C-alpha atoms as a PDB file:
ATOM      1  CA  UNK A   1     113.284  97.168 110.056  1.00  0.00           C
ATOM      2  CA  UNK A   2     111.007  99.785 111.576  1.00  0.00           C
ATOM      3  CA  UNK A   3     107.231  99.557 111.448  1.00  0.00           C
ATOM      4  CA  UNK A   4     107.050 102.748 109.390  1.00  0.00           C
ATOM      5  CA  UNK A   5     109.496 101.352 106.844  1.00  0.00           C
ATOM      6  CA  UNK A   6     107.619  98.030 106.648  1.00  0.00           C
ATOM      7  CA  UNK A   7     104.304  99.858 106.113  1.00  0.00           C
ATOM      8  CA  UNK A   8     105.888 102.082 103.445  1.00  0.00           C
ATOM      9  CA  UNK A   9     107.219  99.058 101.570  1.00  0.00           C
ATOM     10  CA  UNK A  10     103.848  97.305 101.742  1.00  0.00           C
ATOM     11  CA  UNK A  11     102.041 100.441 100.531  1.00  0.00           C
ATOM     12  CA  UNK A  12     104.544 100.936  97.690  1.00  0.00           C
ATOM     13  CA  UNK A  13     104.254  97.326  96.539  1.00  0.00           C
ATOM     14  CA  UNK A  14     100.453  97.422  96.555  1.00  0.00           C
ATOM     15  CA  UNK A  15     100.205 100.779  94.790  1.00  0.00           C
ATOM     16  CA  UNK A  16     102.901 100.159  92.180  1.00  0.00           C
ATOM     17  CA  UNK A  17     102.608  96.440  91.538  1.00  0.00           C
ATOM     18  CA  UNK A  18      98.974  95.814  92.454  1.00  0.00           C
ATOM     19  CA  UNK A  19      99.777  93.616  95.410  1.00  0.00           C
ATOM     20  CA  UNK A  20     102.406  91.409  96.956  1.00  0.00           C
ATOM     21  CA  UNK A  21     102.595  88.126  98.730  1.00  0.00           C
ATOM     22  CA  UNK A  22     104.025  88.722 102.160  1.00  0.00           C
ATOM     23  CA  UNK A  23     105.750  85.863 103.928  1.00  0.00           C
ATOM     24  CA  UNK A  24     104.025  86.583 107.224  1.00  0.00           C
ATOM     25  CA  UNK A  25     101.316  88.950 108.470  1.00  0.00           C
ATOM     26  CA  UNK A  26     100.233  89.311 112.095  1.00  0.00           C
ATOM     27  CA  UNK A  27      96.886  90.948 112.784  1.00  0.00           C
ATOM     28  CA  UNK A  28      95.191  91.871 116.021  1.00  0.00           C
ATOM     29  CA  UNK A  29      95.471  93.047 119.601  1.00  0.00           C
ATOM     30  CA  UNK A  30      98.204  93.248 122.253  1.00  0.00           C
ATOM     31  CA  UNK A  31      98.831  89.517 121.981  1.00  0.00           C
ATOM     32  CA  UNK A  32      99.523  90.089 118.283  1.00  0.00           C
ATOM     33  CA  UNK A  33     101.860  92.960 119.237  1.00  0.00           C
ATOM     34  CA  UNK A  34     103.798  90.616 121.519  1.00  0.00           C
ATOM     35  CA  UNK A  35     103.884  87.892 118.892  1.00  0.00           C
ATOM     36  CA  UNK A  36     105.241  90.386 116.346  1.00  0.00           C
ATOM     37  CA  UNK A  37     108.075  91.262 118.727  1.00  0.00           C
ATOM     38  CA  UNK A  38     109.193  87.640 118.551  1.00  0.00           C
ATOM     39  CA  UNK A  39     108.341  87.138 114.856  1.00  0.00           C
ATOM     40  CA  UNK A  40     110.179  90.245 113.663  1.00  0.00           C
ATOM     41  CA  UNK A  41     110.205  89.025 110.069  1.00  0.00           C
ATOM     42  CA  UNK A  42     106.428  89.519 109.931  1.00  0.00           C
ATOM     43  CA  UNK A  43     104.485  92.621 108.971  1.00  0.00           C
ATOM     44  CA  UNK A  44     102.169  93.514 111.834  1.00  0.00           C
ATOM     45  CA  UNK A  45      98.798  95.247 111.781  1.00  0.00           C
ATOM     46  CA  UNK A  46      98.309  95.144 115.519  1.00  0.00           C
ATOM     47  CA  UNK A  47      97.517  97.448 118.413  1.00  0.00           C
ATOM     48  CA  UNK A  48      97.162  96.863 122.125  1.00  0.00           C
ATOM     49  CA  UNK A  49      93.695  97.138 123.635  1.00  0.00           C
ATOM     50  CA  UNK A  50      91.857  96.956 120.315  1.00  0.00           C
ATOM     51  CA  UNK A  51      88.703  94.889 119.895  1.00  0.00           C
ATOM     52  CA  UNK A  52      87.587  93.072 116.737  1.00  0.00           C
ATOM     53  CA  UNK A  53      85.243  95.858 115.595  1.00  0.00           C
ATOM     54  CA  UNK A  54      87.881  98.555 116.079  1.00  0.00           C
ATOM     55  CA  UNK A  55      90.549  96.469 114.374  1.00  0.00           C
ATOM     56  CA  UNK A  56      88.421  95.801 111.302  1.00  0.00           C
ATOM     57  CA  UNK A  57      87.353  99.432 110.935  1.00  0.00           C
ATOM     58  CA  UNK A  58      90.917 100.677 111.381  1.00  0.00           C
ATOM     59  CA  UNK A  59      92.453  98.200 108.924  1.00  0.00           C
ATOM     60  CA  UNK A  60      89.773  97.564 106.307  1.00  0.00           C
ATOM     61  CA  UNK A  61      91.630  99.852 103.884  1.00  0.00           C
ATOM     62  CA  UNK A  62      94.590  97.457 103.997  1.00  0.00           C
ATOM     63  CA  UNK A  63      92.513  94.499 102.788  1.00  0.00           C
ATOM     64  CA  UNK A  64      92.706  92.002 101.330  1.00  0.00           C
ATOM     65  CA  UNK A  65      95.106  90.610 103.886  1.00  0.00           C
ATOM     66  CA  UNK A  66      97.414  88.528 101.710  1.00  0.00           C
ATOM     67  CA  UNK A  67     100.387  86.522 102.968  1.00  0.00           C
ATOM     68  CA  UNK A  68     101.787  83.030 102.945  1.00  0.00           C
ATOM     69  CA  UNK A  69     101.177  82.891 106.696  1.00  0.00           C
ATOM     70  CA  UNK A  70      98.626  84.991 108.598  1.00  0.00           C
ATOM     71  CA  UNK A  71      98.425  85.011 112.392  1.00  0.00           C
ATOM     72  CA  UNK A  72      95.263  86.481 113.944  1.00  0.00           C
ATOM     73  CA  UNK A  73      94.793  87.377 117.593  1.00  0.00           C
ATOM     74  CA  UNK A  74      91.461  89.067 118.228  1.00  0.00           C
ATOM     75  CA  UNK A  75      88.618  88.677 120.693  1.00  0.00           C
ATOM     76  CA  UNK A  76      90.360  89.175 124.034  1.00  0.00           C
ATOM     77  CA  UNK A  77      89.163  92.789 124.197  1.00  0.00           C
ATOM     78  CA  UNK A  78      85.678  92.169 122.822  1.00  0.00           C
ATOM     79  CA  UNK A  79      82.658  92.948 124.989  1.00  0.00           C
ATOM     80  CA  UNK A  80      78.921  92.382 124.701  1.00  0.00           C
ATOM     81  CA  UNK A  81      78.466  95.281 122.266  1.00  0.00           C
ATOM     82  CA  UNK A  82      80.962  93.873 119.761  1.00  0.00           C
ATOM     83  CA  UNK A  83      79.495  91.434 117.246  1.00  0.00           C
ATOM     84  CA  UNK A  84      82.541  89.205 117.523  1.00  0.00           C
ATOM     85  CA  UNK A  85      81.457  86.403 115.219  1.00  0.00           C
ATOM     86  CA  UNK A  86      80.415  88.787 112.446  1.00  0.00           C
ATOM     87  CA  UNK A  87      83.613  90.842 112.739  1.00  0.00           C
ATOM     88  CA  UNK A  88      85.889  87.797 112.753  1.00  0.00           C
ATOM     89  CA  UNK A  89      84.046  86.210 109.823  1.00  0.00           C
ATOM     90  CA  UNK A  90      84.519  89.406 107.805  1.00  0.00           C
ATOM     91  CA  UNK A  91      88.220  89.515 108.679  1.00  0.00           C
ATOM     92  CA  UNK A  92      88.609  85.876 107.641  1.00  0.00           C
ATOM     93  CA  UNK A  93      86.785  86.462 104.355  1.00  0.00           C
ATOM     94  CA  UNK A  94      89.240  89.286 103.601  1.00  0.00           C
ATOM     95  CA  UNK A  95      92.222  87.051 104.413  1.00  0.00           C
ATOM     96  CA  UNK A  96      94.016  85.178 101.644  1.00  0.00           C
ATOM     97  CA  UNK A  97      96.799  82.926 102.873  1.00  0.00           C
ATOM     98  CA  UNK A  98      98.387  79.520 102.511  1.00  0.00           C
ATOM     99  CA  UNK A  99      98.205  79.097 106.290  1.00  0.00           C
ATOM    100  CA  UNK A 100      96.086  80.940 108.854  1.00  0.00           C
ATOM    101  CA  UNK A 101      96.678  80.629 112.586  1.00  0.00           C
ATOM    102  CA  UNK A 102      94.224  81.916 115.182  1.00  0.00           C
ATOM    103  CA  UNK A 103      95.472  82.578 118.709  1.00  0.00           C
ATOM    104  CA  UNK A 104      92.659  81.605 121.062  1.00  0.00           C
ATOM    105  CA  UNK A 105      91.682  84.202 123.682  1.00  0.00           C
ATOM    106  CA  UNK A 106      92.599  82.736 127.062  1.00  0.00           C
ATOM    107  CA  UNK A 107      90.248  84.904 129.099  1.00  0.00           C
ATOM    108  CA  UNK A 108      86.930  84.415 127.282  1.00  0.00           C
ATOM    109  CA  UNK A 109      85.786  80.869 126.594  1.00  0.00           C
ATOM    110  CA  UNK A 110      82.696  81.962 124.654  1.00  0.00           C
ATOM    111  CA  UNK A 111      84.825  84.007 122.257  1.00  0.00           C
ATOM    112  CA  UNK A 112      87.467  81.273 122.048  1.00  0.00           C
ATOM    113  CA  UNK A 113      84.654  78.937 120.964  1.00  0.00           C
ATOM    114  CA  UNK A 114      83.692  81.378 118.175  1.00  0.00           C
ATOM    115  CA  UNK A 115      87.317  81.640 117.031  1.00  0.00           C
ATOM    116  CA  UNK A 116      87.647  77.850 117.081  1.00  0.00           C
ATOM    117  CA  UNK A 117      84.448  77.431 115.023  1.00  0.00           C
ATOM    118  CA  UNK A 118      85.553  79.935 112.356  1.00  0.00           C
ATOM    119  CA  UNK A 119      89.029  78.403 112.195  1.00  0.00           C
ATOM    120  CA  UNK A 120      87.585  74.913 111.733  1.00  0.00           C
ATOM    121  CA  UNK A 121      85.241  76.073 108.967  1.00  0.00           C
ATOM    122  CA  UNK A 122      88.258  77.367 107.020  1.00  0.00           C
ATOM    123  CA  UNK A 123      90.607  74.490 107.935  1.00  0.00           C
ATOM    124  CA  UNK A 124      92.823  76.985 109.787  1.00  0.00           C
ATOM    125  CA  UNK A 125      95.014  76.161 112.773  1.00  0.00           C
ATOM    126  CA  UNK A 126      94.377  77.309 116.323  1.00  0.00           C
ATOM    127  CA  UNK A 127      97.038  78.113 118.872  1.00  0.00           C
ATOM    128  CA  UNK A 128      96.264  77.942 122.558  1.00  0.00           C
ATOM    129  CA  UNK A 129      98.290  80.194 124.854  1.00  0.00           C
ATOM    130  CA  UNK A 130     100.222  77.627 126.872  1.00  0.00           C
ATOM    131  CA  UNK A 131     102.166  79.824 129.286  1.00  0.00           C
ATOM    132  CA  UNK A 132      99.980  82.642 130.633  1.00  0.00           C
ATOM    133  CA  UNK A 133     101.153  85.628 132.623  1.00  0.00           C
ATOM    134  CA  UNK A 134      99.546  86.460 135.969  1.00  0.00           C
ATOM    135  CA  UNK A 135      96.888  88.628 134.286  1.00  0.00           C
ATOM    136  CA  UNK A 136      95.370  85.494 132.729  1.00  0.00           C
ATOM    137  CA  UNK A 137      95.226  87.139 129.292  1.00  0.00           C
ATOM    138  CA  UNK A 138      98.725  87.591 127.893  1.00  0.00           C
ATOM    139  CA  UNK A 139     101.452  85.017 127.364  1.00  0.00           C
ATOM    140  CA  UNK A 140     104.704  85.216 129.268  1.00  0.00           C
ATOM    141  CA  UNK A 141     107.910  85.727 127.300  1.00  0.00           C
ATOM    142  CA  UNK A 142     108.191  81.952 127.071  1.00  0.00           C
ATOM    143  CA  UNK A 143     104.561  81.816 125.919  1.00  0.00           C
ATOM    144  CA  UNK A 144     105.231  84.247 123.067  1.00  0.00           C
ATOM    145  CA  UNK A 145     108.207  82.161 121.961  1.00  0.00           C
ATOM    146  CA  UNK A 146     105.990  79.080 121.984  1.00  0.00           C
ATOM    147  CA  UNK A 147     103.400  80.875 119.810  1.00  0.00           C
ATOM    148  CA  UNK A 148     106.154  81.951 117.424  1.00  0.00           C
ATOM    149  CA  UNK A 149     107.375  78.360 117.068  1.00  0.00           C
ATOM    150  CA  UNK A 150     103.868  76.971 116.555  1.00  0.00           C
ATOM    151  CA  UNK A 151     103.123  79.469 113.775  1.00  0.00           C
ATOM    152  CA  UNK A 152     106.229  78.872 111.645  1.00  0.00           C
END
């Protein structure tokens, strides 16, 4: 199913029926994009290179983020001018799910600590990228498959 078709179905269901419960929603940056390629059954609100502030401001109109399973990968592209903790807290407050998984940024320990803290406060699960590519940020193909398995 194409991204355009998935988005059209989601929009139709929200507008006509007042909301739906998706099985799986992936939100975030390029790591989320890669995860969505493996978890093709999921709806994905993701874009490569996007930071937490940009993601929230681009996708706030799609909130609340409602699904049985939500996978969030944000923070890897954040910099000192992004209020990471505030942005991620807002995203989490807008998220309604049976299970929430946070993919920890591999390249920024301080931001990974923030993600871990927010996840713990909400009794969410965290997923560490186990098999990193040479760039030290993104998973390898095997790493994406491992993330997919851990978030099912």
